[in-house]
Protein backbone atom coordinates (compact mmCIF):
# COMPACT_ATOMS: atom_id res chain seq x y z
CA MET A 1 0.00 0.00 0.00
CA SER A 2 2.86 2.39 0.68
CA ASN A 3 4.14 2.05 -2.93
CA MET A 4 0.72 3.08 -4.22
CA PHE A 5 0.70 6.08 -1.87
CA LYS A 6 4.16 7.14 -3.07
CA TYR A 7 3.06 6.80 -6.71
CA VAL A 8 -0.06 8.91 -6.17
CA LYS A 9 1.91 11.51 -4.23
CA GLN A 10 4.59 11.73 -6.94
CA SER A 11 2.00 11.91 -9.72
CA SER A 12 0.10 14.70 -8.02
CA LYS A 13 3.37 16.59 -7.49
CA PHE A 14 4.17 16.42 -11.23
CA MET A 15 0.63 17.46 -12.11
CA MET A 16 0.79 20.49 -9.79
CA GLU A 17 4.13 21.54 -11.29
CA GLY A 18 2.53 21.40 -14.74
CA VAL A 19 -0.39 23.52 -13.59
CA LYS A 20 1.96 26.04 -11.98
CA SER A 21 3.82 26.41 -15.27
CA LEU A 22 0.53 27.28 -17.01
CA VAL A 23 -0.45 29.89 -14.43
CA VAL A 24 1.14 33.16 -15.43
CA GLY A 25 0.91 35.03 -12.16
CA HIS A 26 1.63 38.75 -12.29
CA ARG A 27 3.86 38.87 -15.35
CA LYS A 28 2.53 40.22 -18.61
CA LEU A 29 2.42 38.03 -21.68
CA PRO A 30 3.56 39.51 -25.02
CA VAL A 31 0.01 40.29 -26.17
CA THR A 32 -0.68 42.10 -22.89
CA ARG A 33 2.57 44.08 -23.12
CA ILE A 34 1.65 45.14 -26.66
CA VAL A 35 -1.86 46.19 -25.59
CA ASP A 36 -0.38 48.14 -22.68
CA CYS A 37 2.11 49.99 -24.90
CA LEU A 38 -0.40 50.82 -27.62
CA SER A 39 -3.31 51.81 -25.37
CA GLU A 40 -1.17 53.89 -23.00
CA LEU A 41 0.83 55.50 -25.85
CA LYS A 42 4.16 54.21 -24.54
CA GLN A 43 7.22 54.11 -26.78
CA ASN A 44 8.55 50.58 -27.14
CA PRO A 45 10.58 48.86 -29.89
CA GLU A 46 8.15 45.93 -29.58
CA THR A 47 5.34 48.10 -31.00
CA ASP A 48 7.20 50.25 -33.55
CA ASN A 49 5.70 48.35 -36.50
CA PHE A 50 2.12 48.39 -35.21
CA MET A 51 -0.54 50.70 -36.61
CA THR A 52 -3.30 52.31 -34.57
CA LEU A 53 -6.57 52.73 -36.44
CA ASP A 54 -8.35 55.73 -34.98
CA PRO A 55 -9.69 58.43 -37.31
CA LYS A 56 -9.72 61.01 -34.50
CA ILE A 57 -5.93 61.11 -34.13
CA TYR A 58 -5.16 62.56 -37.55
CA ARG A 59 -5.21 66.25 -38.28
CA LYS A 60 -7.07 67.40 -41.33
CA THR A 61 -3.95 68.00 -43.34
CA GLU A 62 -2.55 66.30 -46.39
CA ASN A 63 0.38 64.66 -44.64
CA LEU A 64 -1.83 62.90 -42.03
CA VAL A 65 0.40 63.59 -39.05
CA PRO A 66 -0.90 61.59 -36.08
CA VAL A 67 -1.79 63.63 -33.01
CA MET A 68 -2.14 61.14 -30.19
CA LYS A 69 -2.86 62.75 -26.84
CA ASN A 70 -5.41 60.55 -25.12
CA THR A 71 -4.97 56.95 -24.10
CA PHE A 72 -7.39 54.30 -25.34
CA ASN A 73 -9.98 52.70 -23.09
CA ASP A 74 -11.67 50.45 -25.66
CA VAL A 75 -9.30 47.82 -27.04
CA TYR A 76 -10.10 45.09 -29.57
CA VAL A 77 -7.50 42.32 -29.81
CA PHE A 78 -7.72 39.71 -32.54
CA VAL A 79 -4.98 37.09 -32.66
CA VAL A 80 -4.48 35.53 -36.08
CA GLY A 81 -3.27 31.95 -35.93
CA GLY A 82 -4.88 30.99 -32.67
CA GLY A 83 -5.30 32.37 -29.20
CA SER A 84 -5.32 30.82 -25.78
CA TYR A 85 -7.24 31.04 -22.56
CA VAL A 86 -4.04 32.05 -20.75
CA GLU A 87 -3.68 35.11 -23.04
CA TYR A 88 -7.34 35.96 -22.54
CA GLN A 89 -7.07 35.67 -18.76
CA ASN A 90 -3.89 37.76 -18.71
CA LEU A 91 -5.65 40.52 -20.69
CA MET A 92 -8.69 40.42 -18.38
CA THR A 93 -6.40 40.74 -15.34
CA TYR A 94 -4.73 43.73 -17.00
CA ALA A 95 -8.15 45.30 -17.69
CA ASP A 96 -9.18 44.79 -14.05
CA GLN A 97 -6.01 46.51 -12.85
CA HIS A 98 -6.62 49.52 -15.14
CA GLN A 99 -10.02 50.96 -14.29
CA GLY A 100 -12.02 51.96 -17.35
CA LYS A 101 -10.22 49.65 -19.81
CA ARG A 102 -12.52 47.46 -21.85
CA ILE A 103 -10.81 44.71 -23.81
CA VAL A 104 -12.39 42.36 -26.31
CA TYR A 105 -10.29 39.33 -27.26
CA GLY A 106 -10.85 37.09 -30.25
CA SER A 107 -9.12 34.46 -32.32
CA PRO A 108 -10.12 31.97 -35.02
CA ASN A 109 -10.33 29.13 -32.51
CA CYS A 110 -12.42 30.90 -29.83
């Protein structure tokens, strides 16, 4: 009986380690870092190639110089190629920590 107890104990230990590796904790995943930088208008090399689609930020001139002064509260995230529940949960935690942020998350496999 003691061998069976040791086996169950060892198996549950491995299972808990696997679950702990899935739980992100307080660190931000890449999609959450990108949302944070874009919605809070932070400069970051990670987001240099991203485009913000908001018609209100362009002056009515021919050169379309962006004038971004206000942060974004409504954020729509669509991940092409598949998303995950961990990314979704990380974004919802971020939204809870930043009052007024509303984030919609979607992917082809949701």
